Amino acid sequence: MLDQLINLVKEHAGDAIIKNPAIPDEKNTEAIRETAGGIMDVLKGQLNSGKLDALNGLLKGGSADNPLTGQVSQEVQQRLASHFNIDTAQAGKIASQLIPVVLQQLSKKTNDPNDNSFTMEGILSGLGNSGAGNALNAIKGLFGK
């Protein structure tokens, strides 16, 4: 799942990372990986702590008002600021530009039956939860499947 998430971030990294003078060109790939890693860590934390409602809401399409969007943005902001030694305000701007778009696309792809790049099973498996089967059944129930 991390590779697919990296590709999703890369698709939408244009102005936020690629064209951003705060991130040197030779560090763009690294910034994309840090961003994807931040997303993964927050989602993994939600799943491992059993907080399925927010995760379910995010994957069903409620990224704009979902509390996970803010958590992911904060995680990515902290990673970018510390890893690339950039101002936290600049890192926050990058996160606020990129994270809502990436999470919206993640939700869209997860819910599109014609797009197999992200599936609920793949996401849960990719998050590496030892109880993924139980979590998958719980989330499927929330989706009505």
Protein backbone atom coordinates (compact mmCIF):
# COMPACT_ATOMS: atom_id res chain seq x y z
CA MET A 1 0.00 0.00 0.00
CA LEU A 2 2.85 2.40 0.71
CA ASP A 3 3.96 2.33 -2.93
CA GLN A 4 0.43 3.14 -4.12
CA LEU A 5 0.18 5.92 -1.55
CA ILE A 6 3.54 7.35 -2.64
CA ASN A 7 2.27 7.37 -6.23
CA LEU A 8 -0.94 9.08 -5.16
CA VAL A 9 1.00 11.78 -3.31
CA LYS A 10 3.34 12.15 -6.29
CA GLU A 11 0.35 12.69 -8.63
CA HIS A 12 -0.80 15.65 -6.53
CA ALA A 13 2.54 17.03 -5.26
CA GLY A 14 2.90 19.65 -8.01
CA ASP A 15 2.67 23.09 -6.39
CA ALA A 16 2.89 21.84 -2.82
CA ILE A 17 6.21 19.98 -3.14
CA ILE A 18 7.62 19.80 -6.69
CA LYS A 19 7.34 23.52 -7.50
CA ASN A 20 7.92 24.65 -3.93
CA PRO A 21 11.24 26.48 -3.44
CA ALA A 22 11.27 25.49 0.25
CA ILE A 23 11.89 21.87 -0.82
CA PRO A 24 15.07 21.53 -2.92
CA ASP A 25 14.47 19.67 -6.20
CA GLU A 26 16.80 16.86 -5.20
CA LYS A 27 14.65 16.32 -2.06
CA ASN A 28 11.26 16.11 -3.82
CA THR A 29 11.12 12.30 -3.81
CA GLU A 30 12.10 12.26 -0.15
CA ALA A 31 9.39 14.82 0.69
CA ILE A 32 6.81 12.73 -1.16
CA ARG A 33 7.89 9.65 0.81
CA GLU A 34 7.72 11.55 4.12
CA THR A 35 4.22 12.75 3.24
CA ALA A 36 3.02 9.25 2.35
CA GLY A 37 4.68 7.88 5.49
CA GLY A 38 2.85 10.43 7.62
CA ILE A 39 -0.46 9.42 6.10
CA MET A 40 0.30 5.74 6.68
CA ASP A 41 1.34 6.27 10.29
CA VAL A 42 -1.84 8.15 11.21
CA LEU A 43 -4.10 5.62 9.47
CA LYS A 44 -2.19 2.75 11.06
CA GLY A 45 -2.54 4.37 14.47
CA GLN A 46 -6.28 4.69 14.01
CA LEU A 47 -6.67 1.09 12.97
CA ASN A 48 -4.40 -0.30 15.69
CA SER A 49 -6.21 1.67 18.38
CA GLY A 50 -9.59 0.45 17.12
CA LYS A 51 -10.82 3.92 16.13
CA LEU A 52 -12.70 2.68 13.11
CA ASP A 53 -15.36 5.41 12.91
CA ALA A 54 -12.96 8.15 11.82
CA LEU A 55 -11.12 5.78 9.47
CA ASN A 56 -14.40 4.58 8.00
CA GLY A 57 -15.63 8.16 7.58
CA LEU A 58 -12.43 9.13 5.84
CA LEU A 59 -12.53 6.21 3.43
CA LYS A 60 -16.22 6.76 2.70
CA GLY A 61 -15.47 10.25 1.49
CA GLY A 62 -15.67 12.64 4.41
CA SER A 63 -12.09 13.89 4.26
CA ALA A 64 -12.85 17.61 4.45
CA ASP A 65 -14.53 17.49 7.84
CA ASN A 66 -12.95 14.31 9.15
CA PRO A 67 -10.71 14.75 12.22
CA LEU A 68 -8.14 12.45 10.60
CA THR A 69 -7.50 15.07 7.93
CA GLY A 70 -6.25 17.42 10.63
CA GLN A 71 -4.21 14.69 12.31
CA VAL A 72 -2.59 13.69 9.03
CA SER A 73 -1.87 17.33 8.17
CA GLN A 74 -0.22 17.88 11.56
CA GLU A 75 1.87 14.71 11.22
CA VAL A 76 3.02 15.67 7.72
CA GLN A 77 3.71 19.24 8.83
CA GLN A 78 5.93 18.01 11.67
CA ARG A 79 7.75 15.54 9.43
CA LEU A 80 8.45 18.08 6.72
CA ALA A 81 9.52 20.80 9.16
CA SER A 82 11.94 18.55 11.02
CA HIS A 83 13.21 16.47 8.13
CA PHE A 84 13.80 19.35 5.71
CA ASN A 85 14.51 22.04 8.29
CA ILE A 86 11.83 24.35 6.95
CA ASP A 87 9.65 26.78 8.83
CA THR A 88 6.61 25.12 10.44
CA ALA A 89 4.32 27.65 8.75
CA GLN A 90 5.72 26.67 5.35
CA ALA A 91 5.42 22.98 6.21
CA GLY A 92 1.84 23.62 7.33
CA LYS A 93 1.06 25.32 4.02
CA ILE A 94 2.39 22.30 2.13
CA ALA A 95 0.32 19.93 4.25
CA SER A 96 -2.84 22.02 3.95
CA GLN A 97 -2.47 22.14 0.16
CA LEU A 98 -1.72 18.48 -0.31
CA ILE A 99 -3.32 16.34 2.39
CA PRO A 100 -7.03 17.10 1.76
CA VAL A 101 -6.56 16.41 -1.96
CA VAL A 102 -4.66 13.15 -1.39
CA LEU A 103 -7.16 11.89 1.20
CA GLN A 104 -10.08 12.79 -1.07
CA GLN A 105 -8.47 10.85 -3.91
CA LEU A 106 -7.76 7.92 -1.59
CA SER A 107 -11.43 7.84 -0.66
CA LYS A 108 -12.53 8.20 -4.27
CA LYS A 109 -10.29 5.35 -5.43
CA THR A 110 -11.32 3.12 -2.50
CA ASN A 111 -15.00 3.58 -3.41
CA ASP A 112 -14.62 3.26 -7.18
CA PRO A 113 -15.44 -0.32 -8.24
CA ASN A 114 -13.57 0.29 -11.53
CA ASP A 115 -10.35 1.33 -9.78
CA ASN A 116 -8.44 -1.40 -7.99
CA SER A 117 -5.45 0.75 -6.96
CA PHE A 118 -6.91 1.04 -3.44
CA THR A 119 -9.29 -1.47 -1.91
CA MET A 120 -10.48 -1.77 1.65
CA GLU A 121 -8.73 -5.13 1.97
CA GLY A 122 -5.53 -3.72 0.51
CA ILE A 123 -5.58 -0.71 2.80
CA LEU A 124 -6.12 -2.78 5.93
CA SER A 125 -3.51 -5.30 4.85
CA GLY A 126 -1.09 -2.50 4.00
CA LEU A 127 -1.55 -0.95 7.40
CA GLY A 128 -0.20 -4.21 8.81
CA ASN A 129 -2.75 -4.75 11.54
CA SER A 130 -2.59 -8.23 13.01
CA GLY A 131 -6.32 -8.04 13.57
CA ALA A 132 -6.99 -6.86 10.03
CA GLY A 133 -9.58 -9.58 9.46
CA ASN A 134 -11.69 -8.40 12.38
CA ALA A 135 -11.17 -4.76 11.44
CA LEU A 136 -12.09 -5.51 7.84
CA ASN A 137 -15.32 -7.19 8.93
CA ALA A 138 -16.14 -4.24 11.21
CA ILE A 139 -15.51 -1.71 8.45
CA LYS A 140 -17.38 -3.77 5.87
CA GLY A 141 -20.31 -3.71 8.29
CA LEU A 142 -20.11 0.06 8.49
CA PHE A 143 -20.07 0.21 4.68
CA GLY A 144 -23.06 -2.12 4.55
CA LYS A 145 -21.14 -4.90 2.77
